[in-house]
Amino acid sequence: MLGESVLAVVIGVAGVSWQATSALTALGGFVVASSLWWIYFDFLDSSVFGRGLVSGLVFTYAHFPVVAGIATTGVGVRLAILSAGNESRYDEVGWVCAAGIALCMMGLAAIQLATPPTLFDIDVWLRLATAALALALVPAALVVEPLTIVWVLALAVAAQVGFELRGHESHHVSTNRTRSIARK
């Protein structure tokens, strides 16, 4: 779905009048998509299926808001690019991207909750905080440009990736292993 969202944005904005603001919005959308990809594929524990029926069901069904959120975010980024490209009828659509991120982050938090041993670890709180920020941006879309909303969300999810990269032991181990191999 992440790849499809990026592809839909690229195809959908082929006829946009590209300016610095539309290119900056597209870059912010790419940061959002890349960060969501990284969070999903690098930080979620898919071994939950062997841990019980309830965890497996939560893991499975929590993917619906993740997928719906990613698709909504892709549409929101596309509309934000159109707005930045002087399509004034899209000036108040930043809420679409914010709602998509909120939905996706709530789904990712639910998936994280289904992967014990710790229930409310820092990863869950990061996802919930990002969802809360995105929800706070929904009403702000009436007065804030979509470009700004996209970049606030891009910085929030990219910061989450950076924090998790720094905090997860498996990343430190692989980084140290790479450094020791490079020294030899």
N, C-alpha and C. Protein backbone atom coordinates (compact mmCIF):
# COMPACT_ATOMS: atom_id res chain seq x y z
N MET A 1 0.82 -1.19 0.00
CA MET A 1 0.00 0.00 0.00
C MET A 1 0.86 1.25 0.00
N LEU A 2 2.02 1.20 0.68
CA LEU A 2 2.90 2.37 0.68
C LEU A 2 3.39 2.69 -0.72
N GLY A 3 3.80 1.68 -1.45
CA GLY A 3 4.26 1.88 -2.82
C GLY A 3 3.14 2.38 -3.71
N GLU A 4 1.95 1.84 -3.53
CA GLU A 4 0.80 2.28 -4.31
C GLU A 4 0.46 3.74 -4.01
N SER A 5 0.59 4.15 -2.76
CA SER A 5 0.32 5.55 -2.40
C SER A 5 1.32 6.48 -3.08
N VAL A 6 2.59 6.10 -3.06
CA VAL A 6 3.60 6.92 -3.72
C VAL A 6 3.33 6.98 -5.21
N LEU A 7 3.02 5.84 -5.81
CA LEU A 7 2.74 5.79 -7.25
C LEU A 7 1.50 6.63 -7.59
N ALA A 8 0.46 6.55 -6.77
CA ALA A 8 -0.75 7.33 -7.02
C ALA A 8 -0.46 8.83 -6.97
N VAL A 9 0.40 9.24 -6.04
CA VAL A 9 0.76 10.65 -5.96
C VAL A 9 1.53 11.06 -7.20
N VAL A 10 2.48 10.24 -7.63
CA VAL A 10 3.30 10.57 -8.81
C VAL A 10 2.42 10.67 -10.05
N ILE A 11 1.55 9.70 -10.26
CA ILE A 11 0.67 9.72 -11.43
C ILE A 11 -0.34 10.87 -11.33
N GLY A 12 -0.87 11.08 -10.14
CA GLY A 12 -1.90 12.09 -9.95
C GLY A 12 -1.42 13.52 -10.11
N VAL A 13 -0.15 13.76 -9.93
CA VAL A 13 0.35 15.13 -10.01
C VAL A 13 1.19 15.36 -11.26
N ALA A 14 1.05 14.49 -12.23
CA ALA A 14 1.84 14.61 -13.46
C ALA A 14 1.59 15.93 -14.16
N GLY A 15 0.40 16.46 -14.08
CA GLY A 15 0.07 17.70 -14.78
C GLY A 15 0.15 18.95 -13.90
N VAL A 16 0.73 18.83 -12.71
CA VAL A 16 0.80 19.96 -11.78
C VAL A 16 1.81 20.99 -12.27
N SER A 17 1.47 22.23 -12.03
CA SER A 17 2.40 23.32 -12.31
C SER A 17 3.44 23.31 -11.19
N TRP A 18 4.61 22.72 -11.47
CA TRP A 18 5.62 22.54 -10.43
C TRP A 18 6.30 23.86 -10.10
N GLN A 19 6.31 24.13 -8.81
CA GLN A 19 6.99 25.30 -8.26
C GLN A 19 7.77 24.83 -7.05
N ALA A 20 8.46 25.71 -6.42
CA ALA A 20 9.23 25.34 -5.23
C ALA A 20 8.32 24.77 -4.14
N THR A 21 7.13 25.38 -3.97
CA THR A 21 6.23 24.91 -2.90
C THR A 21 5.67 23.53 -3.20
N SER A 22 5.33 23.26 -4.45
CA SER A 22 4.80 21.93 -4.77
C SER A 22 5.90 20.87 -4.66
N ALA A 23 7.11 21.21 -5.06
CA ALA A 23 8.23 20.26 -4.93
C ALA A 23 8.54 20.01 -3.46
N LEU A 24 8.47 21.05 -2.64
CA LEU A 24 8.71 20.91 -1.20
C LEU A 24 7.63 20.05 -0.55
N THR A 25 6.40 20.22 -1.00
CA THR A 25 5.30 19.39 -0.49
C THR A 25 5.49 17.94 -0.88
N ALA A 26 5.90 17.70 -2.13
CA ALA A 26 6.16 16.33 -2.59
C ALA A 26 7.29 15.70 -1.79
N LEU A 27 8.32 16.47 -1.50
CA LEU A 27 9.44 15.96 -0.69
C LEU A 27 8.95 15.59 0.72
N GLY A 28 8.12 16.44 1.30
CA GLY A 28 7.55 16.12 2.61
C GLY A 28 6.71 14.85 2.58
N GLY A 29 5.95 14.68 1.50
CA GLY A 29 5.16 13.45 1.34
C GLY A 29 6.05 12.23 1.21
N PHE A 30 7.18 12.38 0.53
CA PHE A 30 8.13 11.27 0.41
C PHE A 30 8.74 10.93 1.77
N VAL A 31 9.04 11.94 2.57
CA VAL A 31 9.57 11.70 3.92
C VAL A 31 8.54 10.95 4.76
N VAL A 32 7.27 11.35 4.65
CA VAL A 32 6.21 10.66 5.37
C VAL A 32 6.14 9.19 4.96
N ALA A 33 6.08 8.94 3.64
CA ALA A 33 5.97 7.56 3.14
C ALA A 33 7.19 6.73 3.54
N SER A 34 8.37 7.29 3.42
CA SER A 34 9.59 6.56 3.79
C SER A 34 9.61 6.23 5.28
N SER A 35 9.19 7.18 6.09
CA SER A 35 9.19 6.96 7.54
C SER A 35 8.16 5.90 7.94
N LEU A 36 6.98 5.96 7.32
CA LEU A 36 5.98 4.93 7.61
C LEU A 36 6.47 3.55 7.19
N TRP A 37 7.12 3.50 6.04
CA TRP A 37 7.69 2.24 5.55
C TRP A 37 8.68 1.70 6.57
N TRP A 38 9.56 2.56 7.04
CA TRP A 38 10.61 2.15 7.98
C TRP A 38 9.99 1.67 9.30
N ILE A 39 9.03 2.44 9.81
CA ILE A 39 8.38 2.05 11.07
C ILE A 39 7.71 0.69 10.91
N TYR A 40 7.00 0.50 9.82
CA TYR A 40 6.26 -0.74 9.64
C TYR A 40 7.19 -1.93 9.45
N PHE A 41 8.15 -1.83 8.56
CA PHE A 41 8.96 -2.99 8.22
C PHE A 41 10.16 -3.21 9.12
N ASP A 42 10.56 -2.20 9.89
CA ASP A 42 11.74 -2.39 10.72
C ASP A 42 11.45 -2.46 12.21
N PHE A 43 10.32 -1.92 12.66
CA PHE A 43 10.08 -1.84 14.09
C PHE A 43 8.91 -2.67 14.60
N LEU A 44 8.12 -3.27 13.71
CA LEU A 44 7.00 -4.09 14.18
C LEU A 44 7.42 -5.55 14.27
N ASP A 45 6.96 -6.21 15.31
CA ASP A 45 7.30 -7.60 15.55
C ASP A 45 6.20 -8.49 14.95
N SER A 46 6.53 -9.17 13.86
CA SER A 46 5.53 -10.01 13.20
C SER A 46 5.48 -11.43 13.78
N SER A 47 6.26 -11.71 14.81
CA SER A 47 6.23 -13.04 15.42
C SER A 47 5.02 -13.21 16.34
N VAL A 48 4.13 -12.23 16.36
CA VAL A 48 2.98 -12.24 17.25
C VAL A 48 2.03 -13.40 16.94
N PHE A 49 2.05 -13.90 15.73
CA PHE A 49 1.13 -14.98 15.38
C PHE A 49 1.32 -16.21 16.24
N GLY A 50 2.52 -16.47 16.69
CA GLY A 50 2.77 -17.64 17.52
C GLY A 50 2.51 -17.39 18.98
N ARG A 51 1.99 -16.25 19.36
CA ARG A 51 1.84 -15.89 20.76
C ARG A 51 0.42 -15.99 21.29
N GLY A 52 -0.52 -16.38 20.48
CA GLY A 52 -1.88 -16.53 20.98
C GLY A 52 -2.91 -15.98 20.02
N LEU A 53 -4.13 -16.41 20.22
CA LEU A 53 -5.23 -16.05 19.35
C LEU A 53 -5.53 -14.55 19.39
N VAL A 54 -5.63 -13.96 20.58
CA VAL A 54 -6.00 -12.55 20.70
C VAL A 54 -4.93 -11.66 20.05
N SER A 55 -3.67 -11.93 20.34
CA SER A 55 -2.59 -11.14 19.74
C SER A 55 -2.60 -11.26 18.22
N GLY A 56 -2.83 -12.47 17.74
CA GLY A 56 -2.89 -12.67 16.30
C GLY A 56 -4.05 -11.94 15.65
N LEU A 57 -5.20 -11.94 16.31
CA LEU A 57 -6.37 -11.23 15.78
C LEU A 57 -6.16 -9.72 15.79
N VAL A 58 -5.60 -9.20 16.88
CA VAL A 58 -5.32 -7.77 16.94
C VAL A 58 -4.33 -7.40 15.85
N PHE A 59 -3.29 -8.20 15.71
CA PHE A 59 -2.27 -7.94 14.68
C PHE A 59 -2.92 -7.92 13.29
N THR A 60 -3.79 -8.86 13.03
CA THR A 60 -4.43 -8.95 11.72
C THR A 60 -5.40 -7.80 11.47
N TYR A 61 -6.32 -7.58 12.40
CA TYR A 61 -7.37 -6.59 12.15
C TYR A 61 -6.91 -5.15 12.35
N ALA A 62 -5.84 -4.93 13.08
CA ALA A 62 -5.32 -3.57 13.23
C ALA A 62 -4.66 -3.08 11.95
N HIS A 63 -4.44 -4.00 11.01
CA HIS A 63 -3.88 -3.58 9.73
C HIS A 63 -4.89 -2.79 8.88
N PHE A 64 -6.18 -2.95 9.16
CA PHE A 64 -7.17 -2.18 8.40
C PHE A 64 -6.96 -0.68 8.57
N PRO A 65 -6.88 -0.15 9.81
CA PRO A 65 -6.63 1.29 9.93
C PRO A 65 -5.26 1.69 9.40
N VAL A 66 -4.28 0.80 9.47
CA VAL A 66 -2.95 1.11 8.92
C VAL A 66 -3.05 1.32 7.41
N VAL A 67 -3.68 0.36 6.74
CA VAL A 67 -3.80 0.43 5.28
C VAL A 67 -4.69 1.61 4.87
N ALA A 68 -5.81 1.78 5.56
CA ALA A 68 -6.70 2.90 5.25
C ALA A 68 -6.01 4.24 5.51
N GLY A 69 -5.23 4.30 6.58
CA GLY A 69 -4.50 5.52 6.90
C GLY A 69 -3.43 5.84 5.87
N ILE A 70 -2.72 4.82 5.40
CA ILE A 70 -1.69 5.03 4.38
C ILE A 70 -2.33 5.52 3.09
N ALA A 71 -3.44 4.89 2.70
CA ALA A 71 -4.13 5.32 1.47
C ALA A 71 -4.63 6.75 1.61
N THR A 72 -5.21 7.08 2.75
CA THR A 72 -5.71 8.44 2.99
C THR A 72 -4.56 9.44 3.00
N THR A 73 -3.45 9.07 3.59
CA THR A 73 -2.28 9.95 3.61
C THR A 73 -1.79 10.21 2.18
N GLY A 74 -1.76 9.16 1.36
CA GLY A 74 -1.35 9.33 -0.04
C GLY A 74 -2.25 10.31 -0.77
N VAL A 75 -3.55 10.20 -0.57
CA VAL A 75 -4.50 11.13 -1.19
C VAL A 75 -4.27 12.54 -0.64
N GLY A 76 -4.06 12.63 0.67
CA GLY A 76 -3.83 13.93 1.28
C GLY A 76 -2.58 14.61 0.76
N VAL A 77 -1.52 13.85 0.57
CA VAL A 77 -0.28 14.42 0.02
C VAL A 77 -0.52 14.89 -1.41
N ARG A 78 -1.23 14.09 -2.18
CA ARG A 78 -1.54 14.49 -3.57
C ARG A 78 -2.31 15.80 -3.59
N LEU A 79 -3.33 15.91 -2.74
CA LEU A 79 -4.12 17.15 -2.69
C LEU A 79 -3.29 18.32 -2.19
N ALA A 80 -2.38 18.07 -1.26
CA ALA A 80 -1.50 19.13 -0.77
C ALA A 80 -0.56 19.61 -1.87
N ILE A 81 -0.07 18.70 -2.70
CA ILE A 81 0.78 19.09 -3.83
C ILE A 81 -0.01 19.94 -4.81
N LEU A 82 -1.24 19.52 -5.07
CA LEU A 82 -2.10 20.32 -5.96
C LEU A 82 -2.34 21.72 -5.39
N SER A 83 -2.56 21.80 -4.09
CA SER A 83 -2.76 23.09 -3.44
C SER A 83 -1.52 23.96 -3.58
N ALA A 84 -0.35 23.36 -3.38
CA ALA A 84 0.90 24.11 -3.48
C ALA A 84 1.20 24.52 -4.92
N GLY A 85 0.60 23.82 -5.89
CA GLY A 85 0.79 24.15 -7.30
C GLY A 85 -0.26 25.11 -7.81
N ASN A 86 -0.76 25.97 -6.95
CA ASN A 86 -1.72 27.02 -7.31
C ASN A 86 -3.11 26.51 -7.67
N GLU A 87 -3.51 25.41 -7.12
CA GLU A 87 -4.89 24.92 -7.26
C GLU A 87 -5.63 25.34 -5.99
N SER A 88 -6.16 26.54 -5.97
CA SER A 88 -6.73 27.11 -4.75
C SER A 88 -7.92 26.33 -4.20
N ARG A 89 -8.57 25.54 -5.04
CA ARG A 89 -9.72 24.78 -4.53
C ARG A 89 -9.28 23.69 -3.54
N TYR A 90 -7.97 23.41 -3.46
CA TYR A 90 -7.44 22.40 -2.54
C TYR A 90 -6.75 23.03 -1.33
N ASP A 91 -6.97 24.29 -1.07
CA ASP A 91 -6.24 24.98 -0.01
C ASP A 91 -6.59 24.51 1.40
N GLU A 92 -7.72 23.90 1.60
CA GLU A 92 -8.12 23.48 2.95
C GLU A 92 -8.19 21.96 3.07
N VAL A 93 -7.26 21.26 2.42
CA VAL A 93 -7.31 19.79 2.42
C VAL A 93 -6.22 19.14 3.27
N GLY A 94 -5.48 19.94 4.00
CA GLY A 94 -4.43 19.37 4.85
C GLY A 94 -4.97 18.37 5.86
N TRP A 95 -6.25 18.50 6.20
CA TRP A 95 -6.85 17.59 7.16
C TRP A 95 -6.85 16.14 6.65
N VAL A 96 -6.87 15.96 5.33
CA VAL A 96 -6.90 14.59 4.78
C VAL A 96 -5.61 13.87 5.14
N CYS A 97 -4.49 14.52 4.94
CA CYS A 97 -3.20 13.93 5.27
C CYS A 97 -3.09 13.69 6.79
N ALA A 98 -3.53 14.67 7.56
CA ALA A 98 -3.46 14.54 9.02
C ALA A 98 -4.35 13.40 9.51
N ALA A 99 -5.55 13.28 8.96
CA ALA A 99 -6.44 12.18 9.36
C ALA A 99 -5.84 10.83 8.98
N GLY A 100 -5.20 10.77 7.82
CA GLY A 100 -4.57 9.52 7.40
C GLY A 100 -3.45 9.10 8.32
N ILE A 101 -2.61 10.05 8.71
CA ILE A 101 -1.51 9.73 9.63
C ILE A 101 -2.07 9.30 10.99
N ALA A 102 -3.10 9.99 11.47
CA ALA A 102 -3.70 9.63 12.75
C ALA A 102 -4.24 8.20 12.72
N LEU A 103 -4.94 7.86 11.66
CA LEU A 103 -5.49 6.51 11.52
C LEU A 103 -4.39 5.46 11.46
N CYS A 104 -3.38 5.73 10.65
CA CYS A 104 -2.26 4.80 10.51
C CYS A 104 -1.52 4.60 11.83
N MET A 105 -1.23 5.70 12.53
CA MET A 105 -0.49 5.60 13.79
C MET A 105 -1.30 4.88 14.88
N MET A 106 -2.62 5.08 14.89
CA MET A 106 -3.44 4.35 15.87
C MET A 106 -3.42 2.85 15.57
N GLY A 107 -3.48 2.50 14.29
CA GLY A 107 -3.37 1.09 13.92
C GLY A 107 -2.02 0.51 14.29
N LEU A 108 -0.95 1.26 14.03
CA LEU A 108 0.39 0.78 14.39
C LEU A 108 0.55 0.65 15.90
N ALA A 109 -0.07 1.56 16.66
CA ALA A 109 -0.02 1.45 18.12
C ALA A 109 -0.75 0.20 18.59
N ALA A 110 -1.90 -0.11 17.97
CA ALA A 110 -2.64 -1.32 18.34
C ALA A 110 -1.82 -2.57 18.02
N ILE A 111 -1.15 -2.57 16.88
CA ILE A 111 -0.29 -3.71 16.53
C ILE A 111 0.83 -3.84 17.55
N GLN A 112 1.42 -2.70 17.92
CA GLN A 112 2.50 -2.72 18.90
C GLN A 112 2.01 -3.24 20.25
N LEU A 113 0.78 -2.91 20.62
CA LEU A 113 0.21 -3.39 21.87
C LEU A 113 0.01 -4.90 21.86
N ALA A 114 -0.14 -5.47 20.69
CA ALA A 114 -0.36 -6.92 20.57
C ALA A 114 0.93 -7.71 20.64
N THR A 115 2.06 -7.01 20.74
CA THR A 115 3.36 -7.69 20.74
C THR A 115 4.04 -7.53 22.09
N PRO A 116 3.68 -8.38 23.06
CA PRO A 116 4.33 -8.32 24.37
C PRO A 116 5.82 -8.60 24.23
N PRO A 117 6.63 -8.40 25.17
CA PRO A 117 6.39 -8.49 26.61
C PRO A 117 5.91 -7.19 27.25
N THR A 118 6.22 -6.05 26.70
CA THR A 118 5.77 -4.81 27.34
C THR A 118 4.57 -4.27 26.59
N LEU A 119 3.59 -3.82 27.32
CA LEU A 119 2.40 -3.31 26.65
C LEU A 119 2.58 -1.86 26.23
N PHE A 120 2.75 -0.97 27.17
CA PHE A 120 2.87 0.44 26.82
C PHE A 120 4.33 0.86 26.87
N ASP A 121 5.10 0.41 25.89
CA ASP A 121 6.49 0.82 25.81
C ASP A 121 6.59 2.14 25.06
N ILE A 122 7.79 2.63 24.89
CA ILE A 122 8.00 3.94 24.27
C ILE A 122 7.50 3.96 22.82
N ASP A 123 7.58 2.82 22.12
CA ASP A 123 7.11 2.78 20.74
C ASP A 123 5.61 3.06 20.64
N VAL A 124 4.84 2.48 21.55
CA VAL A 124 3.39 2.71 21.57
C VAL A 124 3.11 4.18 21.86
N TRP A 125 3.82 4.74 22.83
CA TRP A 125 3.60 6.15 23.18
C TRP A 125 3.98 7.07 22.03
N LEU A 126 5.05 6.74 21.30
CA LEU A 126 5.43 7.55 20.14
C LEU A 126 4.34 7.53 19.08
N ARG A 127 3.80 6.35 18.81
CA ARG A 127 2.76 6.24 17.80
C ARG A 127 1.50 7.00 18.24
N LEU A 128 1.13 6.86 19.51
CA LEU A 128 -0.06 7.57 20.02
C LEU A 128 0.16 9.08 20.03
N ALA A 129 1.36 9.52 20.37
CA ALA A 129 1.65 10.96 20.36
C ALA A 129 1.59 11.51 18.94
N THR A 130 2.09 10.75 17.98
CA THR A 130 2.03 11.19 16.59
C THR A 130 0.57 11.23 16.12
N ALA A 131 -0.23 10.25 16.53
CA ALA A 131 -1.65 10.25 16.18
C ALA A 131 -2.35 11.46 16.80
N ALA A 132 -2.03 11.79 18.05
CA ALA A 132 -2.63 12.94 18.71
C ALA A 132 -2.23 14.25 18.01
N LEU A 133 -0.97 14.36 17.63
CA LEU A 133 -0.53 15.54 16.89
C LEU A 133 -1.29 15.67 15.58
N ALA A 134 -1.42 14.55 14.87
CA ALA A 134 -2.13 14.57 13.59
C ALA A 134 -3.60 14.96 13.79
N LEU A 135 -4.23 14.42 14.82
CA LEU A 135 -5.62 14.79 15.09
C LEU A 135 -5.76 16.27 15.45
N ALA A 136 -4.76 16.81 16.15
CA ALA A 136 -4.79 18.24 16.48
C ALA A 136 -4.65 19.10 15.24
N LEU A 137 -4.02 18.57 14.20
CA LEU A 137 -3.85 19.32 12.96
C LEU A 137 -5.09 19.30 12.07
N VAL A 138 -6.01 18.37 12.32
CA VAL A 138 -7.21 18.29 11.47
C VAL A 138 -8.00 19.60 11.46
N PRO A 139 -8.37 20.16 12.61
CA PRO A 139 -9.10 21.44 12.54
C PRO A 139 -8.22 22.61 12.10
N ALA A 140 -6.92 22.49 12.30
CA ALA A 140 -6.00 23.56 11.90
C ALA A 140 -5.92 23.70 10.39
N ALA A 141 -6.37 22.69 9.66
CA ALA A 141 -6.28 22.71 8.19
C ALA A 141 -7.10 23.83 7.57
N LEU A 142 -8.01 24.39 8.32
CA LEU A 142 -8.80 25.51 7.80
C LEU A 142 -7.98 26.79 7.71
N VAL A 143 -6.93 26.89 8.51
CA VAL A 143 -6.13 28.11 8.52
C VAL A 143 -4.65 27.89 8.17
N VAL A 144 -4.20 26.65 8.22
CA VAL A 144 -2.80 26.34 7.95
C VAL A 144 -2.68 25.72 6.56
N GLU A 145 -1.67 26.12 5.82
CA GLU A 145 -1.47 25.60 4.48
C GLU A 145 -1.16 24.10 4.53
N PRO A 146 -1.63 23.34 3.52
CA PRO A 146 -1.32 21.92 3.48
C PRO A 146 0.19 21.63 3.48
N LEU A 147 0.98 22.49 2.85
CA LEU A 147 2.44 22.32 2.87
C LEU A 147 2.97 22.25 4.29
N THR A 148 2.50 23.13 5.15
CA THR A 148 2.93 23.16 6.54
C THR A 148 2.49 21.89 7.27
N ILE A 149 1.27 21.47 7.04
CA ILE A 149 0.76 20.27 7.70
C ILE A 149 1.56 19.05 7.27
N VAL A 150 1.83 18.92 5.97
CA VAL A 150 2.62 17.79 5.48
C VAL A 150 3.99 17.77 6.15
N TRP A 151 4.64 18.93 6.26
CA TRP A 151 5.98 18.96 6.84
C TRP A 151 5.98 18.75 8.35
N VAL A 152 4.96 19.22 9.05
CA VAL A 152 4.88 18.94 10.49
C VAL A 152 4.75 17.43 10.70
N LEU A 153 3.90 16.80 9.90
CA LEU A 153 3.73 15.34 10.00
C LEU A 153 5.00 14.61 9.57
N ALA A 154 5.65 15.09 8.52
CA ALA A 154 6.89 14.47 8.05
C ALA A 154 7.96 14.51 9.13
N LEU A 155 8.09 15.65 9.78
CA LEU A 155 9.08 15.77 10.85
C LEU A 155 8.72 14.89 12.04
N ALA A 156 7.43 14.76 12.33
CA ALA A 156 7.00 13.93 13.46
C ALA A 156 7.31 12.45 13.22
N VAL A 157 6.99 11.95 12.03
CA VAL A 157 7.25 10.52 11.79
C VAL A 157 8.74 10.26 11.56
N ALA A 158 9.45 11.21 10.96
CA ALA A 158 10.90 11.04 10.78
C ALA A 158 11.61 11.08 12.14
N ALA A 159 11.16 11.93 13.04
CA ALA A 159 11.73 11.98 14.39
C ALA A 159 11.48 10.67 15.12
N GLN A 160 10.31 10.09 14.89
CA GLN A 160 9.99 8.80 15.50
C GLN A 160 10.96 7.72 15.01
N VAL A 161 11.23 7.72 13.71
CA VAL A 161 12.19 6.76 13.15
C VAL A 161 13.57 6.98 13.76
N GLY A 162 14.00 8.23 13.81
CA GLY A 162 15.32 8.53 14.40
C GLY A 162 15.41 8.09 15.84
N PHE A 163 14.37 8.38 16.62
CA PHE A 163 14.37 7.98 18.03
C PHE A 163 14.42 6.47 18.17
N GLU A 164 13.65 5.78 17.35
CA GLU A 164 13.61 4.32 17.45
C GLU A 164 14.92 3.70 16.95
N LEU A 165 15.53 4.27 15.95
CA LEU A 165 16.83 3.77 15.49
C LEU A 165 17.88 3.89 16.59
N ARG A 166 17.83 5.01 17.29
CA ARG A 166 18.78 5.23 18.38
C ARG A 166 18.49 4.32 19.58
N GLY A 167 17.22 4.01 19.78
CA GLY A 167 16.84 3.30 20.99
C GLY A 167 16.74 1.80 20.89
N HIS A 168 16.64 1.26 19.70
CA HIS A 168 16.47 -0.19 19.58
C HIS A 168 17.82 -0.89 19.58
N GLU A 169 17.94 -1.87 20.45
CA GLU A 169 19.20 -2.60 20.61
C GLU A 169 19.63 -3.30 19.33
N SER A 170 18.68 -3.86 18.58
CA SER A 170 19.04 -4.61 17.37
C SER A 170 19.74 -3.71 16.35
N HIS A 171 19.40 -2.42 16.33
CA HIS A 171 20.07 -1.51 15.41
C HIS A 171 21.47 -1.20 15.88
N HIS A 172 21.66 -1.12 17.22
CA HIS A 172 23.00 -0.88 17.74
C HIS A 172 23.91 -2.06 17.47
N VAL A 173 23.37 -3.26 17.63
CA VAL A 173 24.15 -4.46 17.39
C VAL A 173 24.59 -4.53 15.93
N SER A 174 23.66 -4.31 14.99
CA SER A 174 24.01 -4.40 13.58
C SER A 174 24.96 -3.27 13.18
N THR A 175 24.81 -2.09 13.77
CA THR A 175 25.71 -0.98 13.47
C THR A 175 27.10 -1.28 13.99
N ASN A 176 27.20 -1.80 15.22
CA ASN A 176 28.51 -2.14 15.78
C ASN A 176 29.17 -3.25 15.00
N ARG A 177 28.38 -4.23 14.57
CA ARG A 177 28.91 -5.34 13.79
C ARG A 177 29.46 -4.82 12.45
N THR A 178 28.72 -3.90 11.83
CA THR A 178 29.17 -3.32 10.56
C THR A 178 30.47 -2.54 10.75
N ARG A 179 30.57 -1.81 11.85
CA ARG A 179 31.79 -1.05 12.12
C ARG A 179 32.99 -1.96 12.34
N SER A 180 32.77 -3.07 13.08
CA SER A 180 33.89 -3.97 13.34
C SER A 180 34.33 -4.69 12.06
N ILE A 181 33.40 -4.98 11.18
CA ILE A 181 33.76 -5.60 9.90
C ILE A 181 34.52 -4.60 9.04
N ALA A 182 34.10 -3.34 9.08
CA ALA A 182 34.76 -2.30 8.27
C ALA A 182 36.19 -2.07 8.75
N ARG A 183 36.44 -2.20 10.07
CA ARG A 183 37.79 -2.00 10.60
C ARG A 183 38.74 -3.10 10.16
N LYS A 184 38.24 -4.32 9.99
CA LYS A 184 39.08 -5.45 9.61
C LYS A 184 39.43 -5.31 8.17
